[in-house]
């Protein structure tokens, strides 16, 4: 049986991190849309990439 891993992230640090990430993320989304992709395509691609990275961090299986 697989081991279960837990992860604790403080709300305050998460809020601080979001404040740092959000402007770059918005710039990335705008840039990729300007390259000819739809907003939906961009957000799905980002979501899939984040899911893969998150699964690797918590050592959980990823769903594709």
PDB file of N, CA and C in Angstrom:
ATOM      1  N   UNK A   1       0.846  -1.187   0.000  1.00  0.00           N
ATOM      2  CA  UNK A   1       0.000   0.000   0.000  1.00  0.00           C
ATOM      3  C   UNK A   1       0.883   1.239   0.000  1.00  0.00           C
ATOM      4  N   UNK A   2       0.494   2.235  -0.762  1.00  0.00           N
ATOM      5  CA  UNK A   2       1.256   3.478  -0.835  1.00  0.00           C
ATOM      6  C   UNK A   2       1.158   4.239   0.468  1.00  0.00           C
ATOM      7  N   UNK A   3       2.266   4.914   0.809  1.00  0.00           N
ATOM      8  CA  UNK A   3       2.245   5.776   1.977  1.00  0.00           C
ATOM      9  C   UNK A   3       1.491   7.051   1.639  1.00  0.00           C
ATOM     10  N   UNK A   4       0.794   7.582   2.605  1.00  0.00           N
ATOM     11  CA  UNK A   4       0.104   8.855   2.424  1.00  0.00           C
ATOM     12  C   UNK A   4       1.011   9.955   2.942  1.00  0.00           C
ATOM     13  N   UNK A   5       1.119  11.007   2.194  1.00  0.00           N
ATOM     14  CA  UNK A   5       1.917  12.153   2.588  1.00  0.00           C
ATOM     15  C   UNK A   5       0.981  13.318   2.849  1.00  0.00           C
ATOM     16  N   UNK A   6       1.300  14.089   3.869  1.00  0.00           N
ATOM     17  CA  UNK A   6       0.500  15.283   4.116  1.00  0.00           C
ATOM     18  C   UNK A   6       1.397  16.495   3.948  1.00  0.00           C
ATOM     19  N   UNK A   7       0.771  17.585   3.649  1.00  0.00           N
ATOM     20  CA  UNK A   7       1.507  18.806   3.438  1.00  0.00           C
ATOM     21  C   UNK A   7       0.741  19.924   4.131  1.00  0.00           C
ATOM     22  N   UNK A   8       1.457  20.721   4.894  1.00  0.00           N
ATOM     23  CA  UNK A   8       0.838  21.845   5.576  1.00  0.00           C
ATOM     24  C   UNK A   8       1.424  23.134   5.028  1.00  0.00           C
ATOM     25  N   UNK A   9       0.552  24.013   4.604  1.00  0.00           N
ATOM     26  CA  UNK A   9       0.966  25.306   4.075  1.00  0.00           C
ATOM     27  C   UNK A   9       0.189  26.364   4.840  1.00  0.00           C
ATOM     28  N   UNK A  10       0.913  27.321   5.401  1.00  0.00           N
ATOM     29  CA  UNK A  10       0.215  28.356   6.166  1.00  0.00           C
ATOM     30  C   UNK A  10      -0.544  29.276   5.222  1.00  0.00           C
ATOM     31  N   UNK A  11      -1.691  29.725   5.677  1.00  0.00           N
ATOM     32  CA  UNK A  11      -2.515  30.646   4.884  1.00  0.00           C
ATOM     33  C   UNK A  11      -1.760  31.938   4.567  1.00  0.00           C
ATOM     34  N   UNK A  12      -1.010  32.424   5.550  1.00  0.00           N
ATOM     35  CA  UNK A  12      -0.290  33.678   5.365  1.00  0.00           C
ATOM     36  C   UNK A  12       0.795  33.539   4.299  1.00  0.00           C
ATOM     37  N   UNK A  13       1.574  32.455   4.358  1.00  0.00           N
ATOM     38  CA  UNK A  13       2.622  32.245   3.347  1.00  0.00           C
ATOM     39  C   UNK A  13       2.009  31.991   1.976  1.00  0.00           C
ATOM     40  N   UNK A  14       0.894  31.288   1.940  1.00  0.00           N
ATOM     41  CA  UNK A  14       0.229  31.037   0.672  1.00  0.00           C
ATOM     42  C   UNK A  14      -0.254  32.348   0.057  1.00  0.00           C
ATOM     43  N   UNK A  15      -0.833  33.214   0.863  1.00  0.00           N
ATOM     44  CA  UNK A  15      -1.273  34.528   0.368  1.00  0.00           C
ATOM     45  C   UNK A  15      -0.093  35.341  -0.156  1.00  0.00           C
ATOM     46  N   UNK A  16       1.017  35.325   0.587  1.00  0.00           N
ATOM     47  CA  UNK A  16       2.213  36.047   0.153  1.00  0.00           C
ATOM     48  C   UNK A  16       2.735  35.491  -1.168  1.00  0.00           C
ATOM     49  N   UNK A  17       2.758  34.183  -1.282  1.00  0.00           N
ATOM     50  CA  UNK A  17       3.237  33.541  -2.502  1.00  0.00           C
ATOM     51  C   UNK A  17       2.339  33.887  -3.688  1.00  0.00           C
ATOM     52  N   UNK A  18       1.044  33.848  -3.471  1.00  0.00           N
ATOM     53  CA  UNK A  18       0.094  34.201  -4.538  1.00  0.00           C
ATOM     54  C   UNK A  18       0.336  35.630  -5.020  1.00  0.00           C
ATOM     55  N   UNK A  19       0.603  36.539  -4.095  1.00  0.00           N
ATOM     56  CA  UNK A  19       0.861  37.926  -4.460  1.00  0.00           C
ATOM     57  C   UNK A  19       2.082  38.050  -5.366  1.00  0.00           C
ATOM     58  N   UNK A  20       3.068  37.191  -5.166  1.00  0.00           N
ATOM     59  CA  UNK A  20       4.277  37.209  -5.989  1.00  0.00           C
ATOM     60  C   UNK A  20       4.039  36.528  -7.329  1.00  0.00           C
ATOM     61  N   UNK A  21       3.309  35.423  -7.327  1.00  0.00           N
ATOM     62  CA  UNK A  21       3.093  34.631  -8.534  1.00  0.00           C
ATOM     63  C   UNK A  21       2.091  35.270  -9.495  1.00  0.00           C
ATOM     64  N   UNK A  22       1.054  35.874  -8.971  1.00  0.00           N
ATOM     65  CA  UNK A  22      -0.059  36.334  -9.806  1.00  0.00           C
ATOM     66  C   UNK A  22       0.337  37.279 -10.949  1.00  0.00           C
ATOM     67  N   UNK A  23       1.155  38.306 -10.712  1.00  0.00           N
ATOM     68  CA  UNK A  23       1.494  39.187 -11.843  1.00  0.00           C
ATOM     69  C   UNK A  23       2.215  38.449 -12.974  1.00  0.00           C
ATOM     70  N   UNK A  24       3.136  37.569 -12.622  1.00  0.00           N
ATOM     71  CA  UNK A  24       3.850  36.804 -13.648  1.00  0.00           C
ATOM     72  C   UNK A  24       2.919  35.855 -14.370  1.00  0.00           C
ATOM     73  N   UNK A  25       2.003  35.262 -13.643  1.00  0.00           N
ATOM     74  CA  UNK A  25       1.042  34.355 -14.257  1.00  0.00           C
ATOM     75  C   UNK A  25       0.155  35.110 -15.244  1.00  0.00           C
ATOM     76  N   UNK A  26      -0.309  36.282 -14.855  1.00  0.00           N
ATOM     77  CA  UNK A  26      -1.143  37.081 -15.750  1.00  0.00           C
ATOM     78  C   UNK A  26      -0.365  37.473 -17.005  1.00  0.00           C
ATOM     79  N   UNK A  27       0.901  37.832 -16.832  1.00  0.00           N
ATOM     80  CA  UNK A  27       1.747  38.156 -17.984  1.00  0.00           C
ATOM     81  C   UNK A  27       1.912  36.943 -18.893  1.00  0.00           C
ATOM     82  N   UNK A  28       2.122  35.782 -18.312  1.00  0.00           N
ATOM     83  CA  UNK A  28       2.270  34.552 -19.085  1.00  0.00           C
ATOM     84  C   UNK A  28       1.002  34.257 -19.873  1.00  0.00           C
ATOM     85  N   UNK A  29      -0.141  34.352 -19.230  1.00  0.00           N
ATOM     86  CA  UNK A  29      -1.424  34.080 -19.893  1.00  0.00           C
ATOM     87  C   UNK A  29      -1.614  35.038 -21.067  1.00  0.00           C
ATOM     88  N   UNK A  30      -1.388  36.318 -20.851  1.00  0.00           N
ATOM     89  CA  UNK A  30      -1.540  37.309 -21.931  1.00  0.00           C
ATOM     90  C   UNK A  30      -0.577  37.020 -23.082  1.00  0.00           C
ATOM     91  N   UNK A  31       0.652  36.660 -22.758  1.00  0.00           N
ATOM     92  CA  UNK A  31       1.660  36.388 -23.779  1.00  0.00           C
ATOM     93  C   UNK A  31       1.291  35.175 -24.635  1.00  0.00           C
ATOM     94  N   UNK A  32       0.811  34.124 -23.987  1.00  0.00           N
ATOM     95  CA  UNK A  32       0.459  32.911 -24.737  1.00  0.00           C
ATOM     96  C   UNK A  32      -0.808  33.154 -25.561  1.00  0.00           C
ATOM     97  N   UNK A  33      -1.756  33.915 -25.039  1.00  0.00           N
ATOM     98  CA  UNK A  33      -2.940  34.270 -25.818  1.00  0.00           C
ATOM     99  C   UNK A  33      -2.517  35.073 -27.052  1.00  0.00           C
ATOM    100  N   UNK A  34      -1.559  35.979 -26.884  1.00  0.00           N
ATOM    101  CA  UNK A  34      -1.067  36.780 -28.004  1.00  0.00           C
ATOM    102  C   UNK A  34      -0.381  35.912 -29.058  1.00  0.00           C
ATOM    103  N   UNK A  35       0.073  34.722 -28.658  1.00  0.00           N
ATOM    104  CA  UNK A  35       0.699  33.785 -29.596  1.00  0.00           C
ATOM    105  C   UNK A  35      -0.325  32.997 -30.400  1.00  0.00           C
ATOM    106  N   UNK A  36      -1.603  33.200 -30.088  1.00  0.00           N
ATOM    107  CA  UNK A  36      -2.643  32.574 -30.890  1.00  0.00           C
ATOM    108  C   UNK A  36      -3.450  31.491 -30.207  1.00  0.00           C
ATOM    109  N   UNK A  37      -3.199  31.244 -28.949  1.00  0.00           N
ATOM    110  CA  UNK A  37      -3.966  30.242 -28.220  1.00  0.00           C
ATOM    111  C   UNK A  37      -5.135  30.906 -27.499  1.00  0.00           C
ATOM    112  N   UNK A  38      -6.194  30.138 -27.284  1.00  0.00           N
ATOM    113  CA  UNK A  38      -7.347  30.676 -26.557  1.00  0.00           C
ATOM    114  C   UNK A  38      -7.056  30.691 -25.058  1.00  0.00           C
ATOM    115  N   UNK A  39      -7.811  31.509 -24.346  1.00  0.00           N
ATOM    116  CA  UNK A  39      -7.661  31.557 -22.890  1.00  0.00           C
ATOM    117  C   UNK A  39      -7.896  30.185 -22.276  1.00  0.00           C
ATOM    118  N   UNK A  40      -8.872  29.459 -22.805  1.00  0.00           N
ATOM    119  CA  UNK A  40      -9.167  28.120 -22.287  1.00  0.00           C
ATOM    120  C   UNK A  40      -7.988  27.182 -22.490  1.00  0.00           C
ATOM    121  N   UNK A  41      -7.365  27.232 -23.679  1.00  0.00           N
ATOM    122  CA  UNK A  41      -6.204  26.381 -23.951  1.00  0.00           C
ATOM    123  C   UNK A  41      -5.052  26.705 -23.000  1.00  0.00           C
ATOM    124  N   UNK A  42      -4.826  27.979 -22.786  1.00  0.00           N
ATOM    125  CA  UNK A  42      -3.741  28.402 -21.909  1.00  0.00           C
ATOM    126  C   UNK A  42      -3.985  27.916 -20.481  1.00  0.00           C
ATOM    127  N   UNK A  43      -5.195  28.135 -19.993  1.00  0.00           N
ATOM    128  CA  UNK A  43      -5.494  27.752 -18.614  1.00  0.00           C
ATOM    129  C   UNK A  43      -5.466  26.246 -18.417  1.00  0.00           C
ATOM    130  N   UNK A  44      -5.924  25.500 -19.401  1.00  0.00           N
ATOM    131  CA  UNK A  44      -5.868  24.035 -19.301  1.00  0.00           C
ATOM    132  C   UNK A  44      -4.415  23.574 -19.297  1.00  0.00           C
ATOM    133  N   UNK A  45      -3.595  24.129 -20.179  1.00  0.00           N
ATOM    134  CA  UNK A  45      -2.187  23.749 -20.233  1.00  0.00           C
ATOM    135  C   UNK A  45      -1.490  24.060 -18.910  1.00  0.00           C
ATOM    136  N   UNK A  46      -1.729  25.240 -18.372  1.00  0.00           N
ATOM    137  CA  UNK A  46      -1.127  25.622 -17.087  1.00  0.00           C
ATOM    138  C   UNK A  46      -1.613  24.690 -15.990  1.00  0.00           C
ATOM    139  N   UNK A  47      -2.896  24.403 -15.971  1.00  0.00           N
ATOM    140  CA  UNK A  47      -3.468  23.520 -14.963  1.00  0.00           C
ATOM    141  C   UNK A  47      -2.825  22.133 -15.010  1.00  0.00           C
ATOM    142  N   UNK A  48      -2.646  21.598 -16.222  1.00  0.00           N
ATOM    143  CA  UNK A  48      -2.031  20.280 -16.356  1.00  0.00           C
ATOM    144  C   UNK A  48      -0.583  20.293 -15.874  1.00  0.00           C
ATOM    145  N   UNK A  49       0.158  21.334 -16.234  1.00  0.00           N
ATOM    146  CA  UNK A  49       1.541  21.435 -15.792  1.00  0.00           C
ATOM    147  C   UNK A  49       1.642  21.552 -14.273  1.00  0.00           C
ATOM    148  N   UNK A  50       0.773  22.349 -13.687  1.00  0.00           N
ATOM    149  CA  UNK A  50       0.764  22.512 -12.231  1.00  0.00           C
ATOM    150  C   UNK A  50       0.404  21.185 -11.559  1.00  0.00           C
ATOM    151  N   UNK A  51      -0.572  20.471 -12.097  1.00  0.00           N
ATOM    152  CA  UNK A  51      -0.967  19.183 -11.532  1.00  0.00           C
ATOM    153  C   UNK A  51       0.187  18.196 -11.541  1.00  0.00           C
ATOM    154  N   UNK A  52       0.936  18.170 -12.648  1.00  0.00           N
ATOM    155  CA  UNK A  52       2.088  17.272 -12.731  1.00  0.00           C
ATOM    156  C   UNK A  52       3.143  17.639 -11.700  1.00  0.00           C
ATOM    157  N   UNK A  53       3.440  18.926 -11.581  1.00  0.00           N
ATOM    158  CA  UNK A  53       4.435  19.364 -10.604  1.00  0.00           C
ATOM    159  C   UNK A  53       3.963  19.103  -9.181  1.00  0.00           C
ATOM    160  N   UNK A  54       2.702  19.362  -8.912  1.00  0.00           N
ATOM    161  CA  UNK A  54       2.157  19.142  -7.579  1.00  0.00           C
ATOM    162  C   UNK A  54       2.224  17.664  -7.202  1.00  0.00           C
ATOM    163  N   UNK A  55       1.875  16.792  -8.134  1.00  0.00           N
ATOM    164  CA  UNK A  55       1.922  15.355  -7.885  1.00  0.00           C
ATOM    165  C   UNK A  55       3.342  14.919  -7.560  1.00  0.00           C
ATOM    166  N   UNK A  56       4.317  15.490  -8.244  1.00  0.00           N
ATOM    167  CA  UNK A  56       5.719  15.136  -7.979  1.00  0.00           C
ATOM    168  C   UNK A  56       6.146  15.601  -6.594  1.00  0.00           C
ATOM    169  N   UNK A  57       5.680  16.772  -6.178  1.00  0.00           N
ATOM    170  CA  UNK A  57       6.057  17.312  -4.864  1.00  0.00           C
ATOM    171  C   UNK A  57       5.487  16.467  -3.739  1.00  0.00           C
ATOM    172  N   UNK A  58       4.226  16.068  -3.858  1.00  0.00           N
ATOM    173  CA  UNK A  58       3.591  15.286  -2.791  1.00  0.00           C
ATOM    174  C   UNK A  58       3.694  13.783  -3.034  1.00  0.00           C
ATOM    175  N   UNK A  59       4.403  13.415  -4.097  1.00  0.00           N
ATOM    176  CA  UNK A  59       4.620  12.006  -4.447  1.00  0.00           C
ATOM    177  C   UNK A  59       3.305  11.255  -4.608  1.00  0.00           C
ATOM    178  N   UNK A  60       2.375  11.906  -5.265  1.00  0.00           N
ATOM    179  CA  UNK A  60       1.065  11.305  -5.540  1.00  0.00           C
ATOM    180  C   UNK A  60       0.947  11.039  -7.035  1.00  0.00           C
ATOM    181  N   UNK A  61       0.131  10.078  -7.403  1.00  0.00           N
ATOM    182  CA  UNK A  61      -0.060   9.836  -8.840  1.00  0.00           C
ATOM    183  C   UNK A  61      -0.749  11.041  -9.479  1.00  0.00           C
ATOM    184  N   UNK A  62      -0.370  11.330 -10.707  1.00  0.00           N
ATOM    185  CA  UNK A  62      -1.031  12.424 -11.421  1.00  0.00           C
ATOM    186  C   UNK A  62      -2.063  11.860 -12.372  1.00  0.00           C
ATOM    187  N   UNK A  63      -3.061  12.659 -12.661  1.00  0.00           N
ATOM    188  CA  UNK A  63      -4.124  12.265 -13.554  1.00  0.00           C
ATOM    189  C   UNK A  63      -4.007  13.117 -14.802  1.00  0.00           C
ATOM    190  N   UNK A  64      -3.992  12.467 -15.972  1.00  0.00           N
ATOM    191  CA  UNK A  64      -3.857  13.201 -17.232  1.00  0.00           C
ATOM    192  C   UNK A  64      -5.051  12.957 -18.089  1.00  0.00           C
TER     193      UNK A  64
END
